[in-house]
Amino acid sequence: MTALASALMVMAYSGGAIVPQFYVWLKPTFGFQGLFAAIVVPSYLVILTYAWRYGRVGLTARE
């Protein structure tokens, strides 16, 4: 599950699937800087939350 979720996040954000399309559609209404912050900050919060929760799955403890 975590491999699929991380792949979907990468494709959505940097692969041009979802987030860039929202940006293009909403830029004329909200402007460049406001829309950039409104999209990028929550996106990075999702990535941070995912990394925080699943970042150590499958790793063994060092002895």
PDB file of N, CA and C in Angstrom:
ATOM      1  N   MET A   1       0.819  -1.203   0.000  1.00  0.00           N
ATOM      2  CA  MET A   1       0.000   0.000   0.000  1.00  0.00           C
ATOM      3  C   MET A   1       0.858   1.260   0.000  1.00  0.00           C
ATOM      4  N   THR A   2       1.940   1.271   0.758  1.00  0.00           N
ATOM      5  CA  THR A   2       2.739   2.487   0.829  1.00  0.00           C
ATOM      6  C   THR A   2       3.449   2.778  -0.490  1.00  0.00           C
ATOM      7  N   ALA A   3       3.839   1.747  -1.224  1.00  0.00           N
ATOM      8  CA  ALA A   3       4.487   1.980  -2.520  1.00  0.00           C
ATOM      9  C   ALA A   3       3.502   2.615  -3.503  1.00  0.00           C
ATOM     10  N   LEU A   4       2.286   2.150  -3.503  1.00  0.00           N
ATOM     11  CA  LEU A   4       1.263   2.715  -4.384  1.00  0.00           C
ATOM     12  C   LEU A   4       0.945   4.157  -4.001  1.00  0.00           C
ATOM     13  N   ALA A   5       0.796   4.418  -2.712  1.00  0.00           N
ATOM     14  CA  ALA A   5       0.484   5.772  -2.259  1.00  0.00           C
ATOM     15  C   ALA A   5       1.606   6.742  -2.593  1.00  0.00           C
ATOM     16  N   SER A   6       2.844   6.342  -2.388  1.00  0.00           N
ATOM     17  CA  SER A   6       3.948   7.245  -2.704  1.00  0.00           C
ATOM     18  C   SER A   6       4.059   7.472  -4.205  1.00  0.00           C
ATOM     19  N   ALA A   7       3.815   6.458  -5.002  1.00  0.00           N
ATOM     20  CA  ALA A   7       3.844   6.630  -6.455  1.00  0.00           C
ATOM     21  C   ALA A   7       2.758   7.591  -6.920  1.00  0.00           C
ATOM     22  N   LEU A   8       1.576   7.473  -6.343  1.00  0.00           N
ATOM     23  CA  LEU A   8       0.487   8.381  -6.721  1.00  0.00           C
ATOM     24  C   LEU A   8       0.783   9.822  -6.313  1.00  0.00           C
ATOM     25  N   MET A   9       1.410  10.022  -5.144  1.00  0.00           N
ATOM     26  CA  MET A   9       1.765  11.385  -4.729  1.00  0.00           C
ATOM     27  C   MET A   9       2.780  12.000  -5.675  1.00  0.00           C
ATOM     28  N   VAL A  10       3.787  11.231  -6.078  1.00  0.00           N
ATOM     29  CA  VAL A  10       4.803  11.754  -7.001  1.00  0.00           C
ATOM     30  C   VAL A  10       4.179  12.076  -8.348  1.00  0.00           C
ATOM     31  N   MET A  11       3.351  11.184  -8.862  1.00  0.00           N
ATOM     32  CA  MET A  11       2.719  11.433 -10.152  1.00  0.00           C
ATOM     33  C   MET A  11       1.768  12.623 -10.100  1.00  0.00           C
ATOM     34  N   ALA A  12       1.048  12.761  -9.008  1.00  0.00           N
ATOM     35  CA  ALA A  12       0.091  13.860  -8.900  1.00  0.00           C
ATOM     36  C   ALA A  12       0.790  15.200  -8.820  1.00  0.00           C
ATOM     37  N   TYR A  13       1.863  15.277  -8.054  1.00  0.00           N
ATOM     38  CA  TYR A  13       2.502  16.571  -7.829  1.00  0.00           C
ATOM     39  C   TYR A  13       3.467  16.947  -8.944  1.00  0.00           C
ATOM     40  N   SER A  14       4.427  16.104  -9.223  1.00  0.00           N
ATOM     41  CA  SER A  14       5.454  16.501 -10.186  1.00  0.00           C
ATOM     42  C   SER A  14       5.268  15.880 -11.562  1.00  0.00           C
ATOM     43  N   GLY A  15       4.427  14.894 -11.669  1.00  0.00           N
ATOM     44  CA  GLY A  15       4.243  14.233 -12.949  1.00  0.00           C
ATOM     45  C   GLY A  15       3.256  14.918 -13.867  1.00  0.00           C
ATOM     46  N   GLY A  16       2.628  15.964 -13.424  1.00  0.00           N
ATOM     47  CA  GLY A  16       1.701  16.695 -14.273  1.00  0.00           C
ATOM     48  C   GLY A  16       0.319  16.081 -14.347  1.00  0.00           C
ATOM     49  N   ALA A  17      -0.037  15.277 -13.356  1.00  0.00           N
ATOM     50  CA  ALA A  17      -1.327  14.601 -13.413  1.00  0.00           C
ATOM     51  C   ALA A  17      -2.461  15.455 -12.858  1.00  0.00           C
ATOM     52  N   ILE A  18      -2.324  15.937 -11.641  1.00  0.00           N
ATOM     53  CA  ILE A  18      -3.449  16.597 -10.983  1.00  0.00           C
ATOM     54  C   ILE A  18      -3.125  18.031 -10.590  1.00  0.00           C
ATOM     55  N   VAL A  19      -2.128  18.213  -9.759  1.00  0.00           N
ATOM     56  CA  VAL A  19      -1.849  19.527  -9.175  1.00  0.00           C
ATOM     57  C   VAL A  19      -1.516  20.586 -10.228  1.00  0.00           C
ATOM     58  N   PRO A  20      -0.651  20.308 -11.197  1.00  0.00           N
ATOM     59  CA  PRO A  20      -0.387  21.345 -12.205  1.00  0.00           C
ATOM     60  C   PRO A  20      -1.624  21.755 -13.001  1.00  0.00           C
ATOM     61  N   GLN A  21      -2.536  20.824 -13.230  1.00  0.00           N
ATOM     62  CA  GLN A  21      -3.755  21.159 -13.957  1.00  0.00           C
ATOM     63  C   GLN A  21      -4.661  22.079 -13.134  1.00  0.00           C
ATOM     64  N   PHE A  22      -4.772  21.817 -11.840  1.00  0.00           N
ATOM     65  CA  PHE A  22      -5.528  22.727 -10.977  1.00  0.00           C
ATOM     66  C   PHE A  22      -4.923  24.120 -10.989  1.00  0.00           C
ATOM     67  N   TYR A  23      -3.609  24.162 -10.989  1.00  0.00           N
ATOM     68  CA  TYR A  23      -2.919  25.450 -10.992  1.00  0.00           C
ATOM     69  C   TYR A  23      -3.275  26.249 -12.244  1.00  0.00           C
ATOM     70  N   VAL A  24      -3.237  25.599 -13.386  1.00  0.00           N
ATOM     71  CA  VAL A  24      -3.547  26.283 -14.652  1.00  0.00           C
ATOM     72  C   VAL A  24      -4.983  26.780 -14.664  1.00  0.00           C
ATOM     73  N   TRP A  25      -5.914  25.981 -14.166  1.00  0.00           N
ATOM     74  CA  TRP A  25      -7.323  26.366 -14.194  1.00  0.00           C
ATOM     75  C   TRP A  25      -7.627  27.508 -13.232  1.00  0.00           C
ATOM     76  N   LEU A  26      -6.982  27.527 -12.084  1.00  0.00           N
ATOM     77  CA  LEU A  26      -7.324  28.509 -11.050  1.00  0.00           C
ATOM     78  C   LEU A  26      -6.450  29.762 -11.045  1.00  0.00           C
ATOM     79  N   LYS A  27      -5.343  29.774 -11.780  1.00  0.00           N
ATOM     80  CA  LYS A  27      -4.437  30.922 -11.769  1.00  0.00           C
ATOM     81  C   LYS A  27      -5.098  32.226 -12.199  1.00  0.00           C
ATOM     82  N   PRO A  28      -5.930  32.259 -13.233  1.00  0.00           N
ATOM     83  CA  PRO A  28      -6.555  33.535 -13.601  1.00  0.00           C
ATOM     84  C   PRO A  28      -7.456  34.108 -12.504  1.00  0.00           C
ATOM     85  N   THR A  29      -8.013  33.264 -11.679  1.00  0.00           N
ATOM     86  CA  THR A  29      -8.930  33.715 -10.638  1.00  0.00           C
ATOM     87  C   THR A  29      -8.200  34.205  -9.389  1.00  0.00           C
ATOM     88  N   PHE A  30      -7.184  33.462  -8.943  1.00  0.00           N
ATOM     89  CA  PHE A  30      -6.544  33.742  -7.662  1.00  0.00           C
ATOM     90  C   PHE A  30      -5.183  34.411  -7.756  1.00  0.00           C
ATOM     91  N   GLY A  31      -4.572  34.459  -8.913  1.00  0.00           N
ATOM     92  CA  GLY A  31      -3.256  35.049  -9.053  1.00  0.00           C
ATOM     93  C   GLY A  31      -2.160  34.031  -8.786  1.00  0.00           C
ATOM     94  N   PHE A  32      -0.951  34.424  -9.162  1.00  0.00           N
ATOM     95  CA  PHE A  32       0.186  33.493  -9.113  1.00  0.00           C
ATOM     96  C   PHE A  32       0.594  33.122  -7.696  1.00  0.00           C
ATOM     97  N   GLN A  33       0.921  34.102  -6.869  1.00  0.00           N
ATOM     98  CA  GLN A  33       1.489  33.823  -5.552  1.00  0.00           C
ATOM     99  C   GLN A  33       0.490  33.202  -4.582  1.00  0.00           C
ATOM    100  N   GLY A  34      -0.711  33.696  -4.561  1.00  0.00           N
ATOM    101  CA  GLY A  34      -1.711  33.144  -3.654  1.00  0.00           C
ATOM    102  C   GLY A  34      -2.052  31.702  -3.985  1.00  0.00           C
ATOM    103  N   LEU A  35      -2.226  31.424  -5.257  1.00  0.00           N
ATOM    104  CA  LEU A  35      -2.550  30.063  -5.672  1.00  0.00           C
ATOM    105  C   LEU A  35      -1.363  29.131  -5.464  1.00  0.00           C
ATOM    106  N   PHE A  36      -0.152  29.621  -5.717  1.00  0.00           N
ATOM    107  CA  PHE A  36       1.042  28.808  -5.490  1.00  0.00           C
ATOM    108  C   PHE A  36       1.118  28.373  -4.033  1.00  0.00           C
ATOM    109  N   ALA A  37       0.913  29.293  -3.118  1.00  0.00           N
ATOM    110  CA  ALA A  37       0.943  28.952  -1.684  1.00  0.00           C
ATOM    111  C   ALA A  37      -0.210  28.033  -1.318  1.00  0.00           C
ATOM    112  N   ALA A  38      -1.388  28.278  -1.879  1.00  0.00           N
ATOM    113  CA  ALA A  38      -2.558  27.472  -1.551  1.00  0.00           C
ATOM    114  C   ALA A  38      -2.437  26.035  -2.048  1.00  0.00           C
ATOM    115  N   ILE A  39      -1.645  25.804  -3.069  1.00  0.00           N
ATOM    116  CA  ILE A  39      -1.467  24.449  -3.589  1.00  0.00           C
ATOM    117  C   ILE A  39      -0.214  23.793  -3.022  1.00  0.00           C
ATOM    118  N   VAL A  40       0.882  24.522  -2.960  1.00  0.00           N
ATOM    119  CA  VAL A  40       2.159  23.921  -2.568  1.00  0.00           C
ATOM    120  C   VAL A  40       2.218  23.594  -1.079  1.00  0.00           C
ATOM    121  N   VAL A  41       1.777  24.488  -0.230  1.00  0.00           N
ATOM    122  CA  VAL A  41       1.870  24.252   1.217  1.00  0.00           C
ATOM    123  C   VAL A  41       1.084  22.999   1.631  1.00  0.00           C
ATOM    124  N   PRO A  42      -0.187  22.849   1.256  1.00  0.00           N
ATOM    125  CA  PRO A  42      -0.883  21.602   1.619  1.00  0.00           C
ATOM    126  C   PRO A  42      -0.259  20.357   0.984  1.00  0.00           C
ATOM    127  N   SER A  43       0.261  20.491  -0.239  1.00  0.00           N
ATOM    128  CA  SER A  43       0.895  19.341  -0.886  1.00  0.00           C
ATOM    129  C   SER A  43       2.108  18.869  -0.098  1.00  0.00           C
ATOM    130  N   TYR A  44       2.933  19.806   0.320  1.00  0.00           N
ATOM    131  CA  TYR A  44       4.104  19.425   1.107  1.00  0.00           C
ATOM    132  C   TYR A  44       3.716  18.928   2.492  1.00  0.00           C
ATOM    133  N   LEU A  45       2.636  19.417   3.046  1.00  0.00           N
ATOM    134  CA  LEU A  45       2.162  18.890   4.328  1.00  0.00           C
ATOM    135  C   LEU A  45       1.709  17.437   4.188  1.00  0.00           C
ATOM    136  N   VAL A  46       1.073  17.104   3.085  1.00  0.00           N
ATOM    137  CA  VAL A  46       0.678  15.721   2.837  1.00  0.00           C
ATOM    138  C   VAL A  46       1.917  14.843   2.707  1.00  0.00           C
ATOM    139  N   ILE A  47       2.918  15.307   1.966  1.00  0.00           N
ATOM    140  CA  ILE A  47       4.153  14.544   1.803  1.00  0.00           C
ATOM    141  C   ILE A  47       4.867  14.380   3.134  1.00  0.00           C
ATOM    142  N   LEU A  48       4.943  15.440   3.934  1.00  0.00           N
ATOM    143  CA  LEU A  48       5.577  15.377   5.247  1.00  0.00           C
ATOM    144  C   LEU A  48       4.850  14.403   6.165  1.00  0.00           C
ATOM    145  N   THR A  49       3.526  14.472   6.174  1.00  0.00           N
ATOM    146  CA  THR A  49       2.734  13.558   7.004  1.00  0.00           C
ATOM    147  C   THR A  49       2.946  12.108   6.576  1.00  0.00           C
ATOM    148  N   TYR A  50       2.956  11.873   5.282  1.00  0.00           N
ATOM    149  CA  TYR A  50       3.185  10.518   4.772  1.00  0.00           C
ATOM    150  C   TYR A  50       4.570  10.016   5.173  1.00  0.00           C
ATOM    151  N   ALA A  51       5.588  10.857   5.009  1.00  0.00           N
ATOM    152  CA  ALA A  51       6.950  10.458   5.371  1.00  0.00           C
ATOM    153  C   ALA A  51       7.074  10.222   6.867  1.00  0.00           C
ATOM    154  N   TRP A  52       6.415  11.034   7.642  1.00  0.00           N
ATOM    155  CA  TRP A  52       6.464  10.894   9.090  1.00  0.00           C
ATOM    156  C   TRP A  52       5.807   9.584   9.530  1.00  0.00           C
ATOM    157  N   ARG A  53       4.701   9.255   8.901  1.00  0.00           N
ATOM    158  CA  ARG A  53       3.955   8.058   9.294  1.00  0.00           C
ATOM    159  C   ARG A  53       4.565   6.775   8.743  1.00  0.00           C
ATOM    160  N   TYR A  54       4.955   6.780   7.457  1.00  0.00           N
ATOM    161  CA  TYR A  54       5.394   5.554   6.799  1.00  0.00           C
ATOM    162  C   TYR A  54       6.877   5.535   6.453  1.00  0.00           C
ATOM    163  N   GLY A  55       7.622   6.530   6.841  1.00  0.00           N
ATOM    164  CA  GLY A  55       9.024   6.630   6.451  1.00  0.00           C
ATOM    165  C   GLY A  55       9.916   5.528   6.987  1.00  0.00           C
ATOM    166  N   ARG A  56       9.582   4.924   8.091  1.00  0.00           N
ATOM    167  CA  ARG A  56      10.430   3.898   8.678  1.00  0.00           C
ATOM    168  C   ARG A  56       9.837   2.494   8.575  1.00  0.00           C
ATOM    169  N   VAL A  57       8.799   2.327   7.776  1.00  0.00           N
ATOM    170  CA  VAL A  57       8.192   1.020   7.616  1.00  0.00           C
ATOM    171  C   VAL A  57       9.170   0.092   6.910  1.00  0.00           C
ATOM    172  N   GLY A  58       9.384  -1.067   7.479  1.00  0.00           N
ATOM    173  CA  GLY A  58      10.258  -2.059   6.873  1.00  0.00           C
ATOM    174  C   GLY A  58      11.719  -1.922   7.232  1.00  0.00           C
ATOM    175  N   LEU A  59      12.108  -0.903   7.981  1.00  0.00           N
ATOM    176  CA  LEU A  59      13.504  -0.745   8.381  1.00  0.00           C
ATOM    177  C   LEU A  59      13.732  -1.461   9.705  1.00  0.00           C
ATOM    178  N   THR A  60      14.892  -2.054   9.816  1.00  0.00           N
ATOM    179  CA  THR A  60      15.221  -2.725  11.071  1.00  0.00           C
ATOM    180  C   THR A  60      16.037  -1.787  11.945  1.00  0.00           C
ATOM    181  N   ALA A  61      15.957  -1.989  13.234  1.00  0.00           N
ATOM    182  CA  ALA A  61      16.690  -1.149  14.181  1.00  0.00           C
ATOM    183  C   ALA A  61      18.174  -1.503  14.151  1.00  0.00           C
ATOM    184  N   ARG A  62      19.009  -0.494  14.294  1.00  0.00           N
ATOM    185  CA  ARG A  62      20.456  -0.718  14.362  1.00  0.00           C
ATOM    186  C   ARG A  62      20.828  -1.226  15.730  1.00  0.00           C
ATOM    187  N   GLU A  63      21.793  -2.098  15.764  1.00  0.00           N
ATOM    188  CA  GLU A  63      22.245  -2.622  17.052  1.00  0.00           C
ATOM    189  C   GLU A  63      23.604  -2.087  17.386  1.00  0.00           C
TER     190      GLU A  63
END
